[in-house]
Each structure stands twice: as structure tokens, then as C-alpha cells.
């Protein structure tokens, strides 16, 4: 499954409570912090809801040989 990297670019404050809660639910706390999540419809919906506060990129699934 592909992954999505989400980075918080704007402060949570000054926005509606449901948007602040969405940022918190994604695990983002500080500006510039990034998280990597599975690219599911649920996560994409959350990102779409706060797209004005974050930047995101789809990561290709590459398996590392160890």
C-alpha cells in the first residue's frame, strides 16, 4: 500500500475546532512536523479537510533489502 507524507505548515490556532481536532488526530503537533500514514480514503479525507494547513506528498512503495 502506498504511503502519504503529511507536513503541518500552519498553526492549528485560529481555525475551527473540528479542523484542530483533525490535525491532532493525524498526530501533528508542531509546525514543520511530518508524519507518514497509509494512503487510505479515511486519511485522504482528513488531509482534504485541512489542506490549507498542510502539505502532502504520495510516497512510492519501495521495499528496502536488508
PDB file of N, CA and C in Angstrom:
ATOM      1  N   UNK A   1       0.845  -1.183   0.000  1.00  0.00           N
ATOM      2  CA  UNK A   1       0.000   0.000   0.000  1.00  0.00           C
ATOM      3  C   UNK A   1       0.886   1.241   0.000  1.00  0.00           C
ATOM      4  N   UNK A   2       0.498   2.221  -0.768  1.00  0.00           N
ATOM      5  CA  UNK A   2       1.247   3.469  -0.846  1.00  0.00           C
ATOM      6  C   UNK A   2       1.120   4.243   0.467  1.00  0.00           C
ATOM      7  N   UNK A   3       2.069   5.105   0.678  1.00  0.00           N
ATOM      8  CA  UNK A   3       2.088   5.930   1.886  1.00  0.00           C
ATOM      9  C   UNK A   3       1.901   7.391   1.494  1.00  0.00           C
ATOM     10  N   UNK A   4       1.489   8.197   2.462  1.00  0.00           N
ATOM     11  CA  UNK A   4       1.338   9.630   2.259  1.00  0.00           C
ATOM     12  C   UNK A   4       2.091  10.340   3.376  1.00  0.00           C
ATOM     13  N   UNK A   5       2.924  11.309   3.000  1.00  0.00           N
ATOM     14  CA  UNK A   5       3.679  12.094   3.967  1.00  0.00           C
ATOM     15  C   UNK A   5       2.963  13.428   4.139  1.00  0.00           C
ATOM     16  N   UNK A   6       2.597  13.746   5.380  1.00  0.00           N
ATOM     17  CA  UNK A   6       1.829  14.955   5.682  1.00  0.00           C
ATOM     18  C   UNK A   6       2.684  15.843   6.576  1.00  0.00           C
ATOM     19  N   UNK A   7       2.820  17.123   6.209  1.00  0.00           N
ATOM     20  CA  UNK A   7       3.616  18.075   6.972  1.00  0.00           C
ATOM     21  C   UNK A   7       2.744  19.264   7.354  1.00  0.00           C
ATOM     22  N   UNK A   8       2.742  19.606   8.632  1.00  0.00           N
ATOM     23  CA  UNK A   8       1.976  20.758   9.117  1.00  0.00           C
ATOM     24  C   UNK A   8       2.723  22.033   8.744  1.00  0.00           C
ATOM     25  N   UNK A   9       2.064  22.947   8.026  1.00  0.00           N
ATOM     26  CA  UNK A   9       2.709  24.180   7.565  1.00  0.00           C
ATOM     27  C   UNK A   9       2.147  25.425   8.231  1.00  0.00           C
ATOM     28  N   UNK A  10       0.999  25.315   8.863  1.00  0.00           N
ATOM     29  CA  UNK A  10       0.388  26.464   9.539  1.00  0.00           C
ATOM     30  C   UNK A  10      -0.060  26.054  10.924  1.00  0.00           C
ATOM     31  N   UNK A  11      -0.152  27.026  11.807  1.00  0.00           N
ATOM     32  CA  UNK A  11      -0.584  26.777  13.173  1.00  0.00           C
ATOM     33  C   UNK A  11      -2.032  26.306  13.200  1.00  0.00           C
ATOM     34  N   UNK A  12      -2.343  25.465  14.184  1.00  0.00           N
ATOM     35  CA  UNK A  12      -3.715  24.977  14.351  1.00  0.00           C
ATOM     36  C   UNK A  12      -4.639  26.073  14.842  1.00  0.00           C
ATOM     37  N   UNK A  13      -4.093  27.024  15.570  1.00  0.00           N
ATOM     38  CA  UNK A  13      -4.913  28.030  16.219  1.00  0.00           C
ATOM     39  C   UNK A  13      -5.445  29.044  15.219  1.00  0.00           C
ATOM     40  N   UNK A  14      -6.660  29.500  15.473  1.00  0.00           N
ATOM     41  CA  UNK A  14      -7.320  30.418  14.566  1.00  0.00           C
ATOM     42  C   UNK A  14      -8.244  29.712  13.580  1.00  0.00           C
ATOM     43  N   UNK A  15      -8.295  28.393  13.669  1.00  0.00           N
ATOM     44  CA  UNK A  15      -9.164  27.606  12.799  1.00  0.00           C
ATOM     45  C   UNK A  15     -10.246  26.928  13.639  1.00  0.00           C
ATOM     46  N   UNK A  16     -11.239  26.392  12.968  1.00  0.00           N
ATOM     47  CA  UNK A  16     -12.351  25.747  13.659  1.00  0.00           C
ATOM     48  C   UNK A  16     -11.879  24.552  14.474  1.00  0.00           C
ATOM     49  N   UNK A  17     -12.629  24.245  15.528  1.00  0.00           N
ATOM     50  CA  UNK A  17     -12.259  23.163  16.424  1.00  0.00           C
ATOM     51  C   UNK A  17     -12.175  21.822  15.707  1.00  0.00           C
ATOM     52  N   UNK A  18     -13.075  21.549  14.776  1.00  0.00           N
ATOM     53  CA  UNK A  18     -13.020  20.265  14.080  1.00  0.00           C
ATOM     54  C   UNK A  18     -11.762  20.145  13.229  1.00  0.00           C
ATOM     55  N   UNK A  19     -11.270  21.256  12.702  1.00  0.00           N
ATOM     56  CA  UNK A  19     -10.025  21.225  11.942  1.00  0.00           C
ATOM     57  C   UNK A  19      -8.830  21.019  12.875  1.00  0.00           C
ATOM     58  N   UNK A  20      -8.841  21.670  14.030  1.00  0.00           N
ATOM     59  CA  UNK A  20      -7.770  21.456  15.020  1.00  0.00           C
ATOM     60  C   UNK A  20      -7.756  20.009  15.482  1.00  0.00           C
ATOM     61  N   UNK A  21      -8.937  19.439  15.683  1.00  0.00           N
ATOM     62  CA  UNK A  21      -9.033  18.041  16.107  1.00  0.00           C
ATOM     63  C   UNK A  21      -8.512  17.095  15.026  1.00  0.00           C
ATOM     64  N   UNK A  22      -8.739  17.420  13.776  1.00  0.00           N
ATOM     65  CA  UNK A  22      -8.242  16.599  12.672  1.00  0.00           C
ATOM     66  C   UNK A  22      -6.718  16.606  12.634  1.00  0.00           C
ATOM     67  N   UNK A  23      -6.118  17.776  12.833  1.00  0.00           N
ATOM     68  CA  UNK A  23      -4.657  17.876  12.873  1.00  0.00           C
ATOM     69  C   UNK A  23      -4.114  17.014  14.012  1.00  0.00           C
ATOM     70  N   UNK A  24      -4.752  17.096  15.159  1.00  0.00           N
ATOM     71  CA  UNK A  24      -4.322  16.310  16.319  1.00  0.00           C
ATOM     72  C   UNK A  24      -4.479  14.813  16.052  1.00  0.00           C
ATOM     73  N   UNK A  25      -5.572  14.431  15.414  1.00  0.00           N
ATOM     74  CA  UNK A  25      -5.821  13.015  15.128  1.00  0.00           C
ATOM     75  C   UNK A  25      -4.787  12.441  14.154  1.00  0.00           C
ATOM     76  N   UNK A  26      -4.243  13.283  13.298  1.00  0.00           N
ATOM     77  CA  UNK A  26      -3.196  12.831  12.382  1.00  0.00           C
ATOM     78  C   UNK A  26      -1.840  12.717  13.079  1.00  0.00           C
ATOM     79  N   UNK A  27      -1.751  13.213  14.306  1.00  0.00           N
ATOM     80  CA  UNK A  27      -0.500  13.112  15.060  1.00  0.00           C
ATOM     81  C   UNK A  27       0.432  14.289  14.846  1.00  0.00           C
ATOM     82  N   UNK A  28      -0.090  15.390  14.342  1.00  0.00           N
ATOM     83  CA  UNK A  28       0.721  16.581  14.100  1.00  0.00           C
ATOM     84  C   UNK A  28       0.554  17.561  15.251  1.00  0.00           C
ATOM     85  N   UNK A  29       1.693  18.029  15.790  1.00  0.00           N
ATOM     86  CA  UNK A  29       1.629  18.967  16.902  1.00  0.00           C
ATOM     87  C   UNK A  29       2.362  20.263  16.630  1.00  0.00           C
ATOM     88  N   UNK A  30       3.505  20.191  15.967  1.00  0.00           N
ATOM     89  CA  UNK A  30       4.321  21.379  15.746  1.00  0.00           C
ATOM     90  C   UNK A  30       4.401  21.709  14.254  1.00  0.00           C
ATOM     91  N   UNK A  31       4.542  22.992  13.963  1.00  0.00           N
ATOM     92  CA  UNK A  31       4.719  23.418  12.582  1.00  0.00           C
ATOM     93  C   UNK A  31       6.015  22.811  12.058  1.00  0.00           C
ATOM     94  N   UNK A  32       5.952  22.227  10.881  1.00  0.00           N
ATOM     95  CA  UNK A  32       7.114  21.589  10.284  1.00  0.00           C
ATOM     96  C   UNK A  32       7.221  20.106  10.586  1.00  0.00           C
ATOM     97  N   UNK A  33       6.412  19.614  11.505  1.00  0.00           N
ATOM     98  CA  UNK A  33       6.426  18.193  11.835  1.00  0.00           C
ATOM     99  C   UNK A  33       5.754  17.400  10.723  1.00  0.00           C
ATOM    100  N   UNK A  34       6.315  16.235  10.426  1.00  0.00           N
ATOM    101  CA  UNK A  34       5.767  15.374   9.382  1.00  0.00           C
ATOM    102  C   UNK A  34       5.421  14.010   9.947  1.00  0.00           C
ATOM    103  N   UNK A  35       4.407  13.395   9.370  1.00  0.00           N
ATOM    104  CA  UNK A  35       4.043  12.020   9.688  1.00  0.00           C
ATOM    105  C   UNK A  35       3.835  11.276   8.384  1.00  0.00           C
ATOM    106  N   UNK A  36       4.063   9.978   8.423  1.00  0.00           N
ATOM    107  CA  UNK A  36       3.830   9.126   7.258  1.00  0.00           C
ATOM    108  C   UNK A  36       2.713   8.156   7.627  1.00  0.00           C
ATOM    109  N   UNK A  37       1.666   8.155   6.833  1.00  0.00           N
ATOM    110  CA  UNK A  37       0.490   7.313   7.075  1.00  0.00           C
ATOM    111  C   UNK A  37       0.202   6.488   5.827  1.00  0.00           C
ATOM    112  N   UNK A  38      -0.593   5.430   6.006  1.00  0.00           N
ATOM    113  CA  UNK A  38      -1.083   4.677   4.854  1.00  0.00           C
ATOM    114  C   UNK A  38      -2.025   5.567   4.054  1.00  0.00           C
ATOM    115  N   UNK A  39      -1.985   5.446   2.751  1.00  0.00           N
ATOM    116  CA  UNK A  39      -2.816   6.261   1.870  1.00  0.00           C
ATOM    117  C   UNK A  39      -4.184   5.594   1.714  1.00  0.00           C
ATOM    118  N   UNK A  40      -5.036   5.798   2.709  1.00  0.00           N
ATOM    119  CA  UNK A  40      -6.381   5.233   2.689  1.00  0.00           C
ATOM    120  C   UNK A  40      -7.395   6.351   2.450  1.00  0.00           C
ATOM    121  N   UNK A  41      -8.616   6.006   2.076  1.00  0.00           N
ATOM    122  CA  UNK A  41      -9.638   7.037   1.883  1.00  0.00           C
ATOM    123  C   UNK A  41      -9.897   7.861   3.147  1.00  0.00           C
ATOM    124  N   UNK A  42      -9.782   7.253   4.305  1.00  0.00           N
ATOM    125  CA  UNK A  42     -10.011   7.972   5.561  1.00  0.00           C
ATOM    126  C   UNK A  42      -8.948   9.056   5.751  1.00  0.00           C
ATOM    127  N   UNK A  43      -7.692   8.685   5.573  1.00  0.00           N
ATOM    128  CA  UNK A  43      -6.595   9.643   5.732  1.00  0.00           C
ATOM    129  C   UNK A  43      -6.681  10.730   4.660  1.00  0.00           C
ATOM    130  N   UNK A  44      -6.988  10.345   3.420  1.00  0.00           N
ATOM    131  CA  UNK A  44      -7.113  11.343   2.346  1.00  0.00           C
ATOM    132  C   UNK A  44      -8.238  12.333   2.652  1.00  0.00           C
ATOM    133  N   UNK A  45      -9.334  11.859   3.238  1.00  0.00           N
ATOM    134  CA  UNK A  45     -10.428  12.752   3.628  1.00  0.00           C
ATOM    135  C   UNK A  45     -10.009  13.723   4.706  1.00  0.00           C
ATOM    136  N   UNK A  46      -9.213  13.241   5.666  1.00  0.00           N
ATOM    137  CA  UNK A  46      -8.720  14.115   6.731  1.00  0.00           C
ATOM    138  C   UNK A  46      -7.786  15.181   6.151  1.00  0.00           C
ATOM    139  N   UNK A  47      -6.917  14.779   5.241  1.00  0.00           N
ATOM    140  CA  UNK A  47      -5.987  15.721   4.615  1.00  0.00           C
ATOM    141  C   UNK A  47      -6.770  16.745   3.788  1.00  0.00           C
ATOM    142  N   UNK A  48      -7.787  16.302   3.083  1.00  0.00           N
ATOM    143  CA  UNK A  48      -8.596  17.216   2.280  1.00  0.00           C
ATOM    144  C   UNK A  48      -9.285  18.261   3.155  1.00  0.00           C
ATOM    145  N   UNK A  49      -9.678  17.867   4.338  1.00  0.00           N
ATOM    146  CA  UNK A  49     -10.361  18.771   5.257  1.00  0.00           C
ATOM    147  C   UNK A  49      -9.442  19.891   5.742  1.00  0.00           C
ATOM    148  N   UNK A  50      -8.144  19.603   5.855  1.00  0.00           N
ATOM    149  CA  UNK A  50      -7.206  20.595   6.374  1.00  0.00           C
ATOM    150  C   UNK A  50      -6.118  20.931   5.348  1.00  0.00           C
ATOM    151  N   UNK A  51      -6.438  20.813   4.072  1.00  0.00           N
ATOM    152  CA  UNK A  51      -5.430  21.009   3.018  1.00  0.00           C
ATOM    153  C   UNK A  51      -4.826  22.410   3.020  1.00  0.00           C
ATOM    154  N   UNK A  52      -5.508  23.380   3.612  1.00  0.00           N
ATOM    155  CA  UNK A  52      -4.981  24.741   3.697  1.00  0.00           C
ATOM    156  C   UNK A  52      -3.949  24.889   4.823  1.00  0.00           C
ATOM    157  N   UNK A  53      -3.801  23.855   5.662  1.00  0.00           N
ATOM    158  CA  UNK A  53      -2.875  23.896   6.793  1.00  0.00           C
ATOM    159  C   UNK A  53      -1.683  22.969   6.619  1.00  0.00           C
ATOM    160  N   UNK A  54      -1.728  22.100   5.636  1.00  0.00           N
ATOM    161  CA  UNK A  54      -0.685  21.090   5.472  1.00  0.00           C
ATOM    162  C   UNK A  54      -0.213  21.029   4.024  1.00  0.00           C
ATOM    163  N   UNK A  55       0.934  20.399   3.842  1.00  0.00           N
ATOM    164  CA  UNK A  55       1.337  19.985   2.501  1.00  0.00           C
ATOM    165  C   UNK A  55       1.516  18.475   2.573  1.00  0.00           C
ATOM    166  N   UNK A  56       1.300  17.805   1.447  1.00  0.00           N
ATOM    167  CA  UNK A  56       1.399  16.353   1.466  1.00  0.00           C
ATOM    168  C   UNK A  56       1.981  15.860   0.159  1.00  0.00           C
ATOM    169  N   UNK A  57       2.539  14.672   0.230  1.00  0.00           N
ATOM    170  CA  UNK A  57       3.068  14.032  -0.968  1.00  0.00           C
ATOM    171  C   UNK A  57       2.853  12.532  -0.847  1.00  0.00           C
ATOM    172  N   UNK A  58       2.558  11.922  -1.969  1.00  0.00           N
ATOM    173  CA  UNK A  58       2.366  10.481  -2.041  1.00  0.00           C
ATOM    174  C   UNK A  58       3.739   9.836  -2.225  1.00  0.00           C
ATOM    175  N   UNK A  59       4.068   8.892  -1.367  1.00  0.00           N
ATOM    176  CA  UNK A  59       5.348   8.202  -1.446  1.00  0.00           C
ATOM    177  C   UNK A  59       5.158   6.881  -2.171  1.00  0.00           C
ATOM    178  N   UNK A  60       6.059   6.577  -3.065  1.00  0.00           N
ATOM    179  CA  UNK A  60       6.017   5.297  -3.766  1.00  0.00           C
ATOM    180  C   UNK A  60       6.381   4.185  -2.803  1.00  0.00           C
ATOM    181  N   UNK A  61       5.778   3.053  -3.012  1.00  0.00           N
ATOM    182  CA  UNK A  61       6.087   1.906  -2.171  1.00  0.00           C
ATOM    183  C   UNK A  61       7.371   1.265  -2.683  1.00  0.00           C
ATOM    184  N   UNK A  62       8.426   1.440  -1.920  1.00  0.00           N
ATOM    185  CA  UNK A  62       9.710   0.852  -2.275  1.00  0.00           C
ATOM    186  C   UNK A  62      10.189   0.040  -1.083  1.00  0.00           C
ATOM    187  N   UNK A  63      10.421  -1.200  -1.319  1.00  0.00           N
ATOM    188  CA  UNK A  63      10.881  -2.067  -0.243  1.00  0.00           C
ATOM    189  C   UNK A  63      12.398  -2.092  -0.240  1.00  0.00           C
ATOM    190  N   UNK A  64      12.951  -1.903   0.938  1.00  0.00           N
ATOM    191  CA  UNK A  64      14.401  -1.919   1.073  1.00  0.00           C
ATOM    192  C   UNK A  64      14.865  -3.340   1.363  1.00  0.00           C
ATOM    193  N   UNK A  65      15.924  -3.738   0.726  1.00  0.00           N
ATOM    194  CA  UNK A  65      16.518  -5.045   1.007  1.00  0.00           C
ATOM    195  C   UNK A  65      17.474  -4.891   2.172  1.00  0.00           C
ATOM    196  N   UNK A  66      17.268  -5.699   3.174  1.00  0.00           N
ATOM    197  CA  UNK A  66      18.135  -5.613   4.350  1.00  0.00           C
ATOM    198  C   UNK A  66      18.913  -6.865   4.514  1.00  0.00           C
TER     199      UNK A  66
END
